[in-house]
Amino acid sequence: MERLEAIEPLEDAEFDPSLVYAMEANAAKALSRPIRFSTPTFKEYQSDELKGCGKNSFPAFSITAGGCALNCDHCQKKILEPMIPATSPEMLEQKVRDLIMLQNLQGFLLSGGSNRRNEIRYERYLPVVEKLKNEFPHLRVAIHTALLDETLAKSMESAGVDTAMMDVIGAQETINQVYKLDRPVEDFEATLAALCATSMEVTPHIVVGLHYGQILGEANALDIIARHDVGSLVLVVIMPFYAKPGTFTTPSTSDVGRIFMEARRRLPDKPVLLGCARPPGMHKRVTDAYAVMAGLDGIAFPADGAVAVSQAIGRSFEQEHACCSIKLGQAGEKAIRVACAA
């Protein structure tokens, strides 16, 4: 607590002392793991401690532009807005080739809006991914899968997709009420199992507070993920300003920090990462401090103070301009550092 109070960006922050002390009790495990601060080029980023990269080294493409048939209560399709539209395979291929030539593209995220069954129809895009991967072996490709079957999972693997990401929802009430989706919790576990049966790096996501800001299905989602051989876990925190006013509350930073500790306990040998989405301002600064102290392995777009917390407790860190779910490897990292320096 004394070290936290000495960090200028956190001077007005309110921490839960019992939670901080619990994290301190597990400090030996946390300190043995370096933390990675990810600053992908999905959006502009700058902090007092880390610099963003203006180059499109790892952009996100949406195959539906801003369209989504589900239009879930928590998102209202706004998460798609910063992504680059690629509404045909030809458009995706041309934009990727342009970025390789002009801006040292190292990889990309493929995403899009869902149909009413929470499926994204990637089939006609996968031949383009395979073609690009064969021609440019250095490219790293991540994909938001949504729900799928074994056939589509195998097709993604065959096309050369490196990392597959999906949301795991542990509460049926959340699926029905927030997503307006008539699919059981079991379908989310079946999708995870199908992905884990491939050679892709599988990175499930849990949205903390997805049920209108309440903590409801997160523990069950952790149980589901712990049953499968995932590559890593990404935690994000609900962002109420995406939703209709008055429908969501913001989870307390203490509740979020306790889920960080539980995720670290349940997946002791797997990378656990804090992803892009979480409330801004002081909430984000406290959340990110908890992520560092809980021993999470990475933070996307870290808030001011995160680096200082790492230094204060003695955790080593590195920065990478890629999606937190995917590691580019040493060659890619070096290339990106050179590009950003230029």
Protein backbone atom coordinates (compact mmCIF):
# COMPACT_ATOMS: atom_id res chain seq x y z
CA MET A 1 0.00 0.00 0.00
CA GLU A 2 2.84 2.40 0.78
CA ARG A 3 4.40 1.84 -2.64
CA LEU A 4 1.07 2.38 -4.38
CA GLU A 5 0.49 5.65 -2.52
CA ALA A 6 3.86 6.94 -3.76
CA ILE A 7 2.90 6.54 -7.46
CA GLU A 8 1.73 9.90 -8.83
CA PRO A 9 -0.95 8.64 -11.31
CA LEU A 10 -2.51 6.67 -8.43
CA GLU A 11 -2.40 9.38 -5.75
CA ASP A 12 -6.21 9.77 -5.77
CA ALA A 13 -6.94 6.05 -6.25
CA GLU A 14 -8.87 3.98 -3.74
CA PHE A 15 -7.53 0.47 -3.24
CA ASP A 16 -9.03 -2.35 -1.21
CA PRO A 17 -6.35 -2.97 1.46
CA SER A 18 -7.42 -6.58 2.09
CA LEU A 19 -7.17 -7.32 -1.64
CA VAL A 20 -3.77 -5.64 -1.95
CA TYR A 21 -2.47 -7.63 1.03
CA ALA A 22 -3.82 -10.87 -0.48
CA MET A 23 -1.98 -10.08 -3.72
CA GLU A 24 1.15 -9.24 -1.75
CA ALA A 25 0.93 -12.65 -0.05
CA ASN A 26 1.15 -14.25 -3.50
CA ALA A 27 3.85 -11.87 -4.71
CA ALA A 28 6.51 -14.53 -5.18
CA LYS A 29 4.50 -16.17 -7.96
CA ALA A 30 3.70 -12.83 -9.60
CA LEU A 31 7.27 -11.58 -9.53
CA SER A 32 8.53 -14.68 -11.30
CA ARG A 33 6.42 -13.81 -14.37
CA PRO A 34 7.36 -10.86 -16.61
CA ILE A 35 4.41 -8.78 -17.79
CA ARG A 36 3.79 -7.75 -21.41
CA PHE A 37 2.21 -4.37 -22.19
CA SER A 38 0.44 -4.67 -25.57
CA THR A 39 -0.24 -1.58 -27.66
CA PRO A 40 -1.80 -2.86 -30.91
CA THR A 41 -2.73 -0.42 -33.64
CA PHE A 42 -6.50 -0.97 -33.38
CA LYS A 43 -6.67 2.58 -32.03
CA GLU A 44 -4.47 5.51 -31.14
CA TYR A 45 -2.64 5.08 -27.85
CA GLN A 46 -0.36 7.23 -25.78
CA SER A 47 0.48 7.27 -22.09
CA ASP A 48 3.03 9.04 -19.95
CA GLU A 49 4.89 5.72 -19.53
CA LEU A 50 4.63 4.00 -22.94
CA LYS A 51 4.41 5.21 -26.51
CA GLY A 52 1.95 3.98 -29.08
CA CYS A 53 2.80 3.06 -32.64
CA GLY A 54 1.25 5.03 -35.49
CA LYS A 55 1.94 2.30 -38.03
CA ASN A 56 -0.66 -0.32 -38.96
CA SER A 57 1.55 -3.14 -37.74
CA PHE A 58 -1.36 -5.19 -36.35
CA PRO A 59 -4.80 -3.83 -37.38
CA ALA A 60 -8.27 -5.31 -36.93
CA PHE A 61 -10.57 -6.00 -39.90
CA SER A 62 -14.34 -6.48 -39.73
CA ILE A 63 -15.91 -8.59 -42.46
CA THR A 64 -19.31 -7.05 -41.69
CA ALA A 65 -18.07 -3.45 -41.33
CA GLY A 66 -20.29 -2.06 -38.52
CA GLY A 67 -23.10 -4.57 -38.93
CA CYS A 68 -24.19 -7.17 -36.35
CA ALA A 69 -27.53 -9.01 -36.20
CA LEU A 70 -27.33 -9.67 -32.45
CA ASN A 71 -26.76 -6.06 -31.37
CA CYS A 72 -26.15 -7.22 -27.78
CA ASP A 73 -27.06 -4.92 -24.91
CA HIS A 74 -23.47 -4.50 -23.74
CA CYS A 75 -21.94 -3.57 -27.10
CA GLN A 76 -24.59 -2.06 -29.40
CA LYS A 77 -22.17 -2.81 -32.28
CA LYS A 78 -19.82 -0.01 -31.17
CA ILE A 79 -16.85 -2.36 -30.70
CA LEU A 80 -16.81 -2.83 -34.48
CA GLU A 81 -16.50 0.88 -35.26
CA PRO A 82 -12.68 1.24 -34.97
CA MET A 83 -12.05 -1.80 -37.18
CA ILE A 84 -11.13 -1.56 -40.86
CA PRO A 85 -14.05 -2.68 -43.07
CA ALA A 86 -13.27 -5.69 -45.27
CA THR A 87 -16.68 -6.75 -46.55
CA SER A 88 -15.42 -9.03 -49.32
CA PRO A 89 -12.49 -11.44 -49.59
CA GLU A 90 -11.04 -9.28 -52.37
CA MET A 91 -11.16 -6.19 -50.16
CA LEU A 92 -9.42 -8.01 -47.32
CA GLU A 93 -6.66 -9.29 -49.59
CA GLN A 94 -6.02 -5.90 -51.16
CA LYS A 95 -5.92 -4.05 -47.85
CA VAL A 96 -3.56 -6.58 -46.31
CA ARG A 97 -1.25 -6.43 -49.32
CA ASP A 98 -1.25 -2.63 -49.24
CA LEU A 99 -0.34 -2.60 -45.55
CA ILE A 100 2.43 -5.15 -46.07
CA MET A 101 3.98 -2.97 -48.77
CA LEU A 102 3.45 0.41 -47.16
CA GLN A 103 3.43 -0.05 -43.40
CA ASN A 104 5.32 -3.20 -42.49
CA LEU A 105 2.25 -5.23 -41.56
CA GLN A 106 3.14 -8.03 -39.13
CA GLY A 107 -0.28 -9.59 -38.75
CA PHE A 108 -3.96 -8.79 -38.30
CA LEU A 109 -7.11 -9.60 -36.39
CA LEU A 110 -10.11 -10.83 -38.36
CA SER A 111 -13.45 -10.10 -36.75
CA GLY A 112 -17.00 -9.07 -37.55
CA GLY A 113 -20.60 -8.93 -36.38
CA SER A 114 -22.58 -12.09 -35.66
CA ASN A 115 -25.75 -13.50 -37.15
CA ARG A 116 -28.68 -14.26 -34.82
CA ARG A 117 -27.05 -17.55 -33.76
CA ASN A 118 -23.82 -15.81 -32.70
CA GLU A 119 -21.96 -17.13 -35.75
CA ILE A 120 -19.65 -15.22 -38.10
CA ARG A 121 -19.53 -16.65 -41.62
CA TYR A 122 -15.81 -16.68 -42.35
CA GLU A 123 -15.83 -19.54 -44.87
CA ARG A 124 -15.31 -17.45 -48.02
CA TYR A 125 -12.50 -15.46 -46.36
CA LEU A 126 -10.39 -18.44 -45.33
CA PRO A 127 -8.94 -19.11 -48.84
CA VAL A 128 -7.61 -15.53 -48.79
CA VAL A 129 -6.06 -16.09 -45.36
CA GLU A 130 -4.43 -19.28 -46.64
CA LYS A 131 -3.13 -17.51 -49.74
CA LEU A 132 -1.67 -14.64 -47.73
CA LYS A 133 -0.10 -16.96 -45.17
CA ASN A 134 1.56 -19.01 -47.91
CA GLU A 135 2.92 -15.91 -49.62
CA PHE A 136 3.90 -14.04 -46.45
CA PRO A 137 4.87 -16.66 -43.84
CA HIS A 138 5.72 -14.00 -41.27
CA LEU A 139 2.09 -12.87 -40.98
CA ARG A 140 0.35 -13.73 -37.72
CA VAL A 141 -3.42 -14.03 -38.00
CA ALA A 142 -5.86 -13.93 -35.10
CA ILE A 143 -9.61 -14.44 -35.46
CA HIS A 144 -12.69 -13.81 -33.32
CA THR A 145 -14.51 -17.08 -33.94
CA ALA A 146 -17.92 -16.58 -32.26
CA LEU A 147 -19.76 -19.93 -31.97
CA LEU A 148 -18.80 -22.62 -34.48
CA ASP A 149 -18.63 -26.35 -35.14
CA GLU A 150 -15.69 -28.71 -35.62
CA THR A 151 -15.78 -28.32 -39.41
CA LEU A 152 -15.26 -24.55 -39.35
CA ALA A 153 -12.62 -24.87 -36.63
CA LYS A 154 -10.67 -27.31 -38.80
CA SER A 155 -11.06 -24.98 -41.81
CA MET A 156 -9.54 -22.12 -39.84
CA GLU A 157 -6.66 -24.37 -38.83
CA SER A 158 -6.10 -25.46 -42.44
CA ALA A 159 -6.08 -21.85 -43.63
CA GLY A 160 -3.21 -21.07 -41.27
CA VAL A 161 -4.99 -19.04 -38.60
CA ASP A 162 -2.58 -18.73 -35.66
CA THR A 163 -4.84 -17.64 -32.81
CA ALA A 164 -8.55 -18.27 -32.25
CA MET A 165 -10.46 -16.10 -29.76
CA MET A 166 -14.00 -16.52 -28.40
CA ASP A 167 -16.10 -15.26 -25.49
CA VAL A 168 -17.02 -17.88 -22.90
CA ILE A 169 -20.28 -17.07 -21.07
CA GLY A 170 -21.01 -19.03 -17.92
CA ALA A 171 -24.58 -17.92 -17.13
CA GLN A 172 -27.65 -18.87 -19.17
CA GLU A 173 -29.42 -15.70 -18.02
CA THR A 174 -26.65 -13.61 -19.59
CA ILE A 175 -26.85 -15.45 -22.92
CA ASN A 176 -30.63 -14.99 -23.08
CA GLN A 177 -30.97 -11.47 -21.67
CA VAL A 178 -27.80 -9.60 -22.66
CA TYR A 179 -27.05 -11.38 -25.95
CA LYS A 180 -30.74 -11.99 -26.85
CA LEU A 181 -29.46 -15.40 -27.94
CA ASP A 182 -31.23 -18.75 -27.81
CA ARG A 183 -28.17 -20.97 -27.33
CA PRO A 184 -27.20 -22.94 -24.18
CA VAL A 185 -24.02 -22.50 -22.14
CA GLU A 186 -23.02 -25.92 -23.45
CA ASP A 187 -22.65 -24.50 -26.99
CA PHE A 188 -19.92 -22.18 -25.74
CA GLU A 189 -18.03 -25.08 -24.19
CA ALA A 190 -18.55 -27.15 -27.38
CA THR A 191 -17.01 -24.33 -29.45
CA LEU A 192 -14.06 -24.15 -27.06
CA ALA A 193 -13.59 -27.92 -27.31
CA ALA A 194 -13.70 -27.78 -31.13
CA LEU A 195 -11.04 -25.07 -31.20
CA CYS A 196 -8.82 -26.87 -28.69
CA ALA A 197 -8.90 -29.96 -30.93
CA THR A 198 -6.91 -28.00 -33.54
CA SER A 199 -3.31 -26.80 -33.56
CA MET A 200 -4.37 -23.13 -33.29
CA GLU A 201 -3.49 -21.13 -30.21
CA VAL A 202 -6.86 -20.88 -28.44
CA THR A 203 -7.49 -17.77 -26.35
CA PRO A 204 -10.93 -17.61 -24.73
CA HIS A 205 -12.19 -14.32 -23.31
CA ILE A 206 -14.31 -13.66 -20.22
CA VAL A 207 -16.17 -10.34 -19.96
CA VAL A 208 -16.25 -9.45 -16.27
CA GLY A 209 -19.62 -7.94 -15.35
CA LEU A 210 -21.28 -8.99 -18.61
CA HIS A 211 -24.63 -9.48 -16.86
CA TYR A 212 -25.51 -5.77 -16.64
CA GLY A 213 -22.49 -5.12 -14.47
CA GLN A 214 -23.22 -7.93 -12.00
CA ILE A 215 -20.79 -10.74 -11.23
CA LEU A 216 -22.80 -13.80 -12.27
CA GLY A 217 -21.32 -16.38 -14.65
CA GLU A 218 -17.62 -15.61 -14.35
CA ALA A 219 -16.81 -18.48 -11.96
CA ASN A 220 -18.56 -21.01 -14.23
CA ALA A 221 -16.76 -19.58 -17.26
CA LEU A 222 -13.45 -20.12 -15.45
CA ASP A 223 -14.53 -23.71 -14.71
CA ILE A 224 -15.27 -24.29 -18.40
CA ILE A 225 -11.93 -22.87 -19.53
CA ALA A 226 -9.98 -24.80 -16.90
CA ARG A 227 -11.34 -28.05 -18.37
CA HIS A 228 -9.65 -27.43 -21.74
CA ASP A 229 -6.08 -27.03 -22.94
CA VAL A 230 -6.25 -23.37 -23.89
CA GLY A 231 -3.24 -21.32 -24.88
CA SER A 232 -4.15 -18.37 -22.65
CA LEU A 233 -7.10 -16.52 -21.13
CA VAL A 234 -8.06 -12.90 -21.77
CA LEU A 235 -10.15 -11.01 -19.22
CA VAL A 236 -11.96 -7.80 -20.13
CA VAL A 237 -14.30 -5.63 -18.08
CA ILE A 238 -17.73 -4.45 -19.19
CA MET A 239 -17.83 -0.87 -20.47
CA PRO A 240 -21.27 0.58 -19.67
CA PHE A 241 -20.95 3.60 -21.96
CA TYR A 242 -21.35 1.26 -24.96
CA ALA A 243 -24.82 0.30 -23.70
CA LYS A 244 -28.12 2.13 -23.42
CA PRO A 245 -28.06 4.56 -20.47
CA GLY A 246 -29.16 3.00 -17.20
CA THR A 247 -28.93 -0.64 -18.29
CA PHE A 248 -25.48 -1.44 -16.89
CA THR A 249 -23.56 -0.61 -13.76
CA THR A 250 -19.77 -0.65 -13.53
CA PRO A 251 -18.31 -3.56 -11.56
CA SER A 252 -16.23 -2.43 -8.61
CA THR A 253 -12.49 -2.57 -9.04
CA SER A 254 -12.36 -4.86 -5.98
CA ASP A 255 -14.68 -7.40 -7.63
CA VAL A 256 -12.60 -7.23 -10.78
CA GLY A 257 -9.36 -7.68 -8.83
CA ARG A 258 -10.71 -10.74 -7.05
CA ILE A 259 -11.59 -12.33 -10.39
CA PHE A 260 -8.02 -11.62 -11.51
CA MET A 261 -6.74 -13.53 -8.47
CA GLU A 262 -9.17 -16.41 -9.03
CA ALA A 263 -8.23 -16.67 -12.71
CA ARG A 264 -4.56 -16.72 -11.76
CA ARG A 265 -5.27 -19.48 -9.20
CA ARG A 266 -7.36 -21.60 -11.61
CA LEU A 267 -4.88 -21.32 -14.49
CA PRO A 268 -1.51 -21.27 -12.72
CA ASP A 269 0.52 -22.39 -15.74
CA LYS A 270 -1.33 -20.51 -18.50
CA PRO A 271 -0.93 -16.86 -19.53
CA VAL A 272 -3.78 -14.75 -18.14
CA LEU A 273 -4.11 -11.38 -19.86
CA LEU A 274 -6.12 -8.17 -19.41
CA GLY A 275 -7.58 -7.24 -22.79
CA CYS A 276 -8.49 -3.96 -24.47
CA ALA A 277 -11.98 -3.36 -23.12
CA ARG A 278 -12.42 -1.93 -19.62
CA PRO A 279 -13.82 1.28 -18.10
CA PRO A 280 -11.58 4.35 -18.47
CA GLY A 281 -10.30 6.88 -15.99
CA MET A 282 -9.32 6.05 -12.42
CA HIS A 283 -11.21 2.76 -12.62
CA LYS A 284 -8.81 1.66 -15.36
CA ARG A 285 -5.76 2.79 -13.40
CA VAL A 286 -6.82 0.79 -10.34
CA THR A 287 -7.86 -2.22 -12.46
CA ASP A 288 -4.50 -2.26 -14.22
CA ALA A 289 -2.64 -1.96 -10.92
CA TYR A 290 -4.55 -4.99 -9.63
CA ALA A 291 -3.69 -6.87 -12.84
CA VAL A 292 0.02 -6.22 -12.28
CA MET A 293 -0.13 -7.20 -8.61
CA ALA A 294 -2.29 -10.30 -9.21
CA GLY A 295 0.34 -11.72 -11.53
CA LEU A 296 -1.50 -11.38 -14.83
CA ASP A 297 0.86 -11.89 -17.75
CA GLY A 298 -0.16 -8.99 -19.99
CA ILE A 299 -2.19 -5.79 -20.26
CA ALA A 300 -3.50 -4.22 -23.46
CA PHE A 301 -3.31 -0.41 -23.64
CA PRO A 302 -2.07 -0.07 -20.03
CA ALA A 303 -3.16 2.94 -18.02
CA ASP A 304 -0.75 5.47 -16.57
CA GLY A 305 0.70 3.96 -13.44
CA ALA A 306 0.85 0.35 -14.63
CA VAL A 307 4.54 0.55 -15.48
CA ALA A 308 5.24 2.30 -12.17
CA VAL A 309 3.42 -0.45 -10.26
CA SER A 310 5.52 -3.07 -12.08
CA GLN A 311 8.68 -1.21 -11.15
CA ALA A 312 7.53 -0.68 -7.56
CA ILE A 313 6.98 -4.38 -6.92
CA GLY A 314 9.92 -5.54 -9.02
CA ARG A 315 8.16 -7.16 -12.00
CA SER A 316 10.02 -7.03 -15.30
CA PHE A 317 8.02 -5.90 -18.34
CA GLU A 318 8.16 -5.58 -22.12
CA GLN A 319 6.08 -3.74 -24.74
CA GLU A 320 4.65 -5.20 -27.94
CA HIS A 321 2.59 -3.56 -30.70
CA ALA A 322 0.28 -6.51 -31.28
CA CYS A 323 -2.99 -7.90 -29.98
CA CYS A 324 -2.45 -9.16 -26.43
CA SER A 325 -3.69 -12.60 -27.53
CA ILE A 326 -0.87 -13.17 -30.01
CA LYS A 327 2.90 -13.06 -29.75
CA LEU A 328 4.74 -12.05 -32.87
CA GLY A 329 8.05 -13.69 -32.05
CA GLN A 330 11.44 -12.05 -31.88
CA ALA A 331 11.69 -11.17 -35.57
CA GLY A 332 8.28 -9.54 -35.55
CA GLU A 333 8.95 -7.63 -32.37
CA LYS A 334 12.23 -6.26 -33.75
CA ALA A 335 10.56 -5.22 -37.00
CA ILE A 336 7.81 -3.40 -35.15
CA ARG A 337 10.25 -1.56 -32.91
CA VAL A 338 12.15 -0.41 -35.98
CA ALA A 339 8.94 0.71 -37.68
CA CYS A 340 7.79 2.66 -34.63
CA ALA A 341 11.18 4.29 -34.22
CA ALA A 342 10.96 5.44 -37.81
